[in-house]
C-alpha atoms as a PDB file:
ATOM      1  CA  MET A   1       0.049  -0.029  -0.009  1.00  0.00           C
ATOM      2  CA  ASN A   2       0.959   3.544  -0.630  1.00  0.00           C
ATOM      3  CA  ASP A   3       0.036   5.939   2.271  1.00  0.00           C
ATOM      4  CA  GLU A   4      -0.515   8.929  -0.082  1.00  0.00           C
ATOM      5  CA  CYS A   5      -2.402   7.170  -2.815  1.00  0.00           C
ATOM      6  CA  ILE A   6      -6.131   7.999  -2.941  1.00  0.00           C
ATOM      7  CA  PHE A   7      -7.073   4.505  -4.304  1.00  0.00           C
ATOM      8  CA  CYS A   8      -5.044   2.808  -1.547  1.00  0.00           C
ATOM      9  CA  LYS A   9      -6.979   4.949   1.002  1.00  0.00           C
ATOM     10  CA  ILE A  10     -10.224   3.768  -0.603  1.00  0.00           C
ATOM     11  CA  VAL A  11      -8.977   0.089  -0.435  1.00  0.00           C
ATOM     12  CA  ARG A  12      -8.224   0.557   3.236  1.00  0.00           C
ATOM     13  CA  LYS A  13     -11.642   2.255   3.717  1.00  0.00           C
ATOM     14  CA  ASP A  14     -10.001   5.443   4.979  1.00  0.00           C
ATOM     15  CA  VAL A  15     -11.890   7.273   2.210  1.00  0.00           C
ATOM     16  CA  PRO A  16     -15.511   6.202   1.424  1.00  0.00           C
ATOM     17  CA  ALA A  17     -16.529   4.984  -2.047  1.00  0.00           C
ATOM     18  CA  ASP A  18     -19.749   3.595  -3.534  1.00  0.00           C
ATOM     19  CA  GLU A  19     -18.440   0.045  -4.017  1.00  0.00           C
ATOM     20  CA  VAL A  20     -19.954  -2.369  -6.432  1.00  0.00           C
ATOM     21  CA  PHE A  21     -17.478  -5.256  -6.073  1.00  0.00           C
ATOM     22  CA  ARG A  22     -14.646  -6.193  -3.624  1.00  0.00           C
ATOM     23  CA  ASP A  23     -12.575  -9.330  -3.136  1.00  0.00           C
ATOM     24  CA  ASP A  24      -9.042  -9.899  -2.022  1.00  0.00           C
ATOM     25  CA  ASP A  25      -7.469  -8.697  -5.286  1.00  0.00           C
ATOM     26  CA  VAL A  26      -9.967  -6.300  -6.856  1.00  0.00           C
ATOM     27  CA  LEU A  27     -12.169  -3.365  -5.855  1.00  0.00           C
ATOM     28  CA  ALA A  28     -14.721  -1.641  -8.097  1.00  0.00           C
ATOM     29  CA  PHE A  29     -16.641   1.531  -7.338  1.00  0.00           C
ATOM     30  CA  HIS A  30     -18.466   4.445  -8.910  1.00  0.00           C
ATOM     31  CA  ASP A  31     -16.305   7.285 -10.137  1.00  0.00           C
ATOM     32  CA  LEU A  32     -16.819  10.621  -8.382  1.00  0.00           C
ATOM     33  CA  ASN A  33     -16.550  12.538 -11.696  1.00  0.00           C
ATOM     34  CA  PRO A  34     -18.499  10.374 -14.055  1.00  0.00           C
ATOM     35  CA  GLN A  35     -17.940  10.872 -17.774  1.00  0.00           C
ATOM     36  CA  ALA A  36     -20.937   8.641 -18.727  1.00  0.00           C
ATOM     37  CA  PRO A  37     -24.259   7.645 -16.951  1.00  0.00           C
ATOM     38  CA  CYS A  38     -22.377   4.645 -15.644  1.00  0.00           C
ATOM     39  CA  HIS A  39     -18.718   5.270 -14.825  1.00  0.00           C
ATOM     40  CA  LEU A  40     -17.024   2.669 -12.648  1.00  0.00           C
ATOM     41  CA  LEU A  41     -13.407   2.224 -11.637  1.00  0.00           C
ATOM     42  CA  VAL A  42     -11.857  -1.143 -11.191  1.00  0.00           C
ATOM     43  CA  ILE A  43      -8.544  -1.257  -9.298  1.00  0.00           C
ATOM     44  CA  PRO A  44      -6.165  -3.877  -7.763  1.00  0.00           C
ATOM     45  CA  THR A  45      -6.218  -3.927  -3.980  1.00  0.00           C
ATOM     46  CA  ARG A  46      -2.428  -4.107  -4.088  1.00  0.00           C
ATOM     47  CA  HIS A  47      -0.738  -0.810  -5.142  1.00  0.00           C
ATOM     48  CA  ALA A  48       0.703  -0.825  -8.631  1.00  0.00           C
ATOM     49  CA  ALA A  49       1.062   2.285 -10.773  1.00  0.00           C
ATOM     50  CA  HIS A  50       0.639   0.558 -14.178  1.00  0.00           C
ATOM     51  CA  LEU A  51      -0.677  -2.539 -15.859  1.00  0.00           C
ATOM     52  CA  SER A  52       2.840  -3.302 -17.014  1.00  0.00           C
ATOM     53  CA  ASP A  53       3.884  -3.563 -13.364  1.00  0.00           C
ATOM     54  CA  PHE A  54       1.792  -6.753 -13.039  1.00  0.00           C
ATOM     55  CA  VAL A  55       3.107  -8.118 -16.303  1.00  0.00           C
ATOM     56  CA  ALA A  56       6.746  -7.379 -15.366  1.00  0.00           C
ATOM     57  CA  SER A  57       6.332  -9.006 -11.953  1.00  0.00           C
ATOM     58  CA  GLY A  58       4.940 -12.155 -13.512  1.00  0.00           C
ATOM     59  CA  ASP A  59       1.650 -11.691 -11.599  1.00  0.00           C
ATOM     60  CA  ASP A  60      -0.660 -12.318 -14.522  1.00  0.00           C
ATOM     61  CA  ARG A  61      -3.322 -13.665 -12.370  1.00  0.00           C
ATOM     62  CA  VAL A  62      -4.234 -10.280 -10.974  1.00  0.00           C
ATOM     63  CA  ALA A  63      -4.166  -8.672 -14.411  1.00  0.00           C
ATOM     64  CA  VAL A  64      -6.488 -11.294 -15.695  1.00  0.00           C
ATOM     65  CA  ARG A  65      -8.726 -10.940 -12.643  1.00  0.00           C
ATOM     66  CA  LEU A  66      -9.002  -7.216 -13.184  1.00  0.00           C
ATOM     67  CA  MET A  67     -10.090  -7.674 -16.823  1.00  0.00           C
ATOM     68  CA  ASP A  68     -12.461 -10.476 -15.836  1.00  0.00           C
ATOM     69  CA  ILE A  69     -14.252  -8.262 -13.267  1.00  0.00           C
ATOM     70  CA  ALA A  70     -14.184  -5.249 -15.567  1.00  0.00           C
ATOM     71  CA  SER A  71     -15.827  -7.251 -18.336  1.00  0.00           C
ATOM     72  CA  ASP A  72     -18.431  -8.716 -15.889  1.00  0.00           C
ATOM     73  CA  LEU A  73     -19.314  -5.281 -14.577  1.00  0.00           C
ATOM     74  CA  GLY A  74     -19.430  -3.671 -18.022  1.00  0.00           C
ATOM     75  CA  THR A  75     -21.955  -6.412 -19.195  1.00  0.00           C
ATOM     76  CA  ARG A  76     -23.979  -5.995 -16.013  1.00  0.00           C
ATOM     77  CA  PHE A  77     -23.994  -2.180 -15.972  1.00  0.00           C
ATOM     78  CA  GLY A  78     -23.906  -1.665 -19.764  1.00  0.00           C
ATOM     79  CA  GLU A  79     -26.638  -4.139 -20.323  1.00  0.00           C
ATOM     80  CA  GLU A  80     -27.044  -5.047 -24.007  1.00  0.00           C
ATOM     81  CA  LYS A  81     -26.162  -1.598 -25.197  1.00  0.00           C
ATOM     82  CA  GLY A  82     -22.403  -1.908 -24.808  1.00  0.00           C
ATOM     83  CA  TYR A  83     -19.700  -0.423 -22.641  1.00  0.00           C
ATOM     84  CA  ARG A  84     -16.087   0.853 -23.001  1.00  0.00           C
ATOM     85  CA  ILE A  85     -13.123  -0.224 -20.905  1.00  0.00           C
ATOM     86  CA  VAL A  86     -10.280   2.392 -20.796  1.00  0.00           C
ATOM     87  CA  VAL A  87      -6.849   1.965 -19.200  1.00  0.00           C
ATOM     88  CA  ASN A  88      -4.573   5.099 -19.302  1.00  0.00           C
ATOM     89  CA  GLU A  89      -0.986   3.851 -19.005  1.00  0.00           C
ATOM     90  CA  GLY A  90       1.296   6.765 -18.078  1.00  0.00           C
ATOM     91  CA  ALA A  91       0.952  10.514 -17.968  1.00  0.00           C
ATOM     92  CA  LEU A  92       1.115  10.931 -21.805  1.00  0.00           C
ATOM     93  CA  ALA A  93      -1.871   8.714 -22.102  1.00  0.00           C
ATOM     94  CA  GLY A  94      -3.825  10.766 -19.515  1.00  0.00           C
ATOM     95  CA  GLN A  95      -3.239   8.791 -16.320  1.00  0.00           C
ATOM     96  CA  THR A  96      -3.600  11.155 -13.381  1.00  0.00           C
ATOM     97  CA  VAL A  97      -3.881   8.788 -10.505  1.00  0.00           C
ATOM     98  CA  PHE A  98      -0.838   6.474 -10.512  1.00  0.00           C
ATOM     99  CA  HIS A  99      -2.568   3.395  -9.085  1.00  0.00           C
ATOM    100  CA  LEU A 100      -3.574   1.153 -11.912  1.00  0.00           C
ATOM    101  CA  HIS A 101      -7.349   1.523 -12.667  1.00  0.00           C
ATOM    102  CA  PHE A 102      -9.781   0.503 -15.417  1.00  0.00           C
ATOM    103  CA  HIS A 103     -12.559   2.794 -16.306  1.00  0.00           C
ATOM    104  CA  ILE A 104     -15.863   1.193 -17.277  1.00  0.00           C
ATOM    105  CA  LEU A 105     -18.109   3.647 -19.120  1.00  0.00           C
ATOM    106  CA  ALA A 106     -21.656   2.782 -20.211  1.00  0.00           C
ATOM    107  CA  GLY A 107     -25.051   4.324 -20.781  1.00  0.00           C
ATOM    108  CA  ARG A 108     -24.414   6.582 -23.769  1.00  0.00           C
ATOM    109  CA  ARG A 109     -23.044   6.460 -27.268  1.00  0.00           C
ATOM    110  CA  PHE A 110     -19.312   6.849 -27.566  1.00  0.00           C
ATOM    111  CA  SER A 111     -17.426   8.307 -30.517  1.00  0.00           C
ATOM    112  CA  TRP A 112     -14.253   7.115 -32.197  1.00  0.00           C
ATOM    113  CA  PRO A 113     -11.456   8.055 -32.102  1.00  0.00           C
ATOM    114  CA  PRO A 114     -11.490   8.892 -28.320  1.00  0.00           C
ATOM    115  CA  GLY A 115      -9.498  11.771 -26.985  1.00  0.00           C
END
């Protein structure tokens, strides 16, 4: 855990969040600044800044678990209309909180290309 990281504080329950899923490896909750009618964040409970940190450490299990939960929640909250999963890897890609997180966006039409 990182004492200064907002997502680590949410994992520890030092900061409240509207949780939709929690287990030993993964936490999912509603984003406080939603960019769609449904905007969830899916994070590992262990601090890691980037998806590549899990791949580099050989801990593929958690990376797969994150994607599995993100897909399940996208299907559940996006219903049959679809959803988008976004992972910003690094500052140049738009990452502002350096604790790995997947955005699940649903409930509206999205355009392409994003950004």
